[in-house]
Amino acid sequence: MSNRTIMAFDYGTKSIGSAIGQEVTGTASPLKAFKAKDGIPNWNDIELNSKSGSQIWL
């Protein structure tokens, strides 16, 4: 069995959710949901999140 970490995105028209999972345990944990307009993320929010020292990298 592999020990990969997987990041997934759930694209919606108003928000985009993110989650991270561990293949070895078969579990996933939600991360931050980013606002979107017509399915397009607000890239400034994502950039600010990454600069704030958050553990979410896109």
C-alpha atoms as a PDB file:
ATOM      1  CA  MET A   1       0.000   0.000   0.000  1.00  0.00           C
ATOM      2  CA  SER A   2       1.236   3.456  -0.884  1.00  0.00           C
ATOM      3  CA  ASN A   3       1.734   6.243   1.640  1.00  0.00           C
ATOM      4  CA  ARG A   4       0.740   9.193  -0.523  1.00  0.00           C
ATOM      5  CA  THR A   5      -0.893  12.411   0.639  1.00  0.00           C
ATOM      6  CA  ILE A   6      -3.614  13.641  -1.701  1.00  0.00           C
ATOM      7  CA  MET A   7      -5.145  17.111  -1.963  1.00  0.00           C
ATOM      8  CA  ALA A   8      -8.587  17.397  -3.517  1.00  0.00           C
ATOM      9  CA  PHE A   9     -10.846  20.256  -4.563  1.00  0.00           C
ATOM     10  CA  ASP A  10     -14.634  20.444  -4.736  1.00  0.00           C
ATOM     11  CA  TYR A  11     -15.532  23.112  -7.289  1.00  0.00           C
ATOM     12  CA  GLY A  12     -18.846  24.884  -6.852  1.00  0.00           C
ATOM     13  CA  THR A  13     -20.288  28.075  -8.290  1.00  0.00           C
ATOM     14  CA  LYS A  14     -20.115  29.975  -4.968  1.00  0.00           C
ATOM     15  CA  SER A  15     -17.249  28.277  -3.162  1.00  0.00           C
ATOM     16  CA  ILE A  16     -14.398  25.851  -3.706  1.00  0.00           C
ATOM     17  CA  GLY A  17     -13.688  23.418  -0.910  1.00  0.00           C
ATOM     18  CA  SER A  18     -10.362  21.757  -0.300  1.00  0.00           C
ATOM     19  CA  ALA A  19      -9.400  18.622   1.597  1.00  0.00           C
ATOM     20  CA  ILE A  20      -6.309  16.561   2.249  1.00  0.00           C
ATOM     21  CA  GLY A  21      -6.251  12.796   2.535  1.00  0.00           C
ATOM     22  CA  GLN A  22      -3.878  10.038   3.551  1.00  0.00           C
ATOM     23  CA  GLU A  23      -3.893   7.016   1.279  1.00  0.00           C
ATOM     24  CA  VAL A  24      -2.444   4.693   3.921  1.00  0.00           C
ATOM     25  CA  THR A  25      -5.337   5.332   6.363  1.00  0.00           C
ATOM     26  CA  GLY A  26      -8.047   5.979   3.767  1.00  0.00           C
ATOM     27  CA  THR A  27      -9.096   9.147   5.580  1.00  0.00           C
ATOM     28  CA  ALA A  28      -9.523  12.759   4.530  1.00  0.00           C
ATOM     29  CA  SER A  29      -9.859  16.028   6.428  1.00  0.00           C
ATOM     30  CA  PRO A  30     -11.496  19.208   5.192  1.00  0.00           C
ATOM     31  CA  LEU A  31      -9.377  22.307   4.784  1.00  0.00           C
ATOM     32  CA  LYS A  32     -10.498  25.810   3.906  1.00  0.00           C
ATOM     33  CA  ALA A  33     -13.352  26.704   1.574  1.00  0.00           C
ATOM     34  CA  PHE A  34     -12.566  29.592  -0.756  1.00  0.00           C
ATOM     35  CA  LYS A  35     -15.212  31.924  -2.136  1.00  0.00           C
ATOM     36  CA  ALA A  36     -15.852  31.770  -5.859  1.00  0.00           C
ATOM     37  CA  LYS A  37     -17.961  33.646  -8.374  1.00  0.00           C
ATOM     38  CA  ASP A  38     -19.468  31.472 -11.103  1.00  0.00           C
ATOM     39  CA  GLY A  39     -16.930  28.764 -10.239  1.00  0.00           C
ATOM     40  CA  ILE A  40     -13.914  31.084 -10.466  1.00  0.00           C
ATOM     41  CA  PRO A  41     -11.934  31.390  -7.217  1.00  0.00           C
ATOM     42  CA  ASN A  42     -10.892  34.697  -5.732  1.00  0.00           C
ATOM     43  CA  TRP A  43      -7.165  34.258  -6.321  1.00  0.00           C
ATOM     44  CA  ASN A  44      -6.339  37.163  -3.980  1.00  0.00           C
ATOM     45  CA  ASP A  45      -7.929  35.292  -1.049  1.00  0.00           C
ATOM     46  CA  ILE A  46      -5.952  32.174  -1.906  1.00  0.00           C
ATOM     47  CA  GLU A  47      -2.722  34.149  -2.182  1.00  0.00           C
ATOM     48  CA  LEU A  48      -3.323  35.906   1.157  1.00  0.00           C
ATOM     49  CA  ASN A  49      -4.056  32.548   2.772  1.00  0.00           C
ATOM     50  CA  SER A  50      -0.742  31.123   1.578  1.00  0.00           C
ATOM     51  CA  LYS A  51       1.184  34.196   2.762  1.00  0.00           C
ATOM     52  CA  SER A  52      -0.399  34.077   6.226  1.00  0.00           C
ATOM     53  CA  GLY A  53       1.570  30.957   7.130  1.00  0.00           C
ATOM     54  CA  SER A  54      -1.345  28.621   6.606  1.00  0.00           C
ATOM     55  CA  GLN A  55      -0.663  24.957   5.969  1.00  0.00           C
ATOM     56  CA  ILE A  56      -2.694  25.092   2.730  1.00  0.00           C
ATOM     57  CA  TRP A  57      -0.611  25.327  -0.433  1.00  0.00           C
ATOM     58  CA  LEU A  58      -2.193  25.666  -3.840  1.00  0.00           C
END
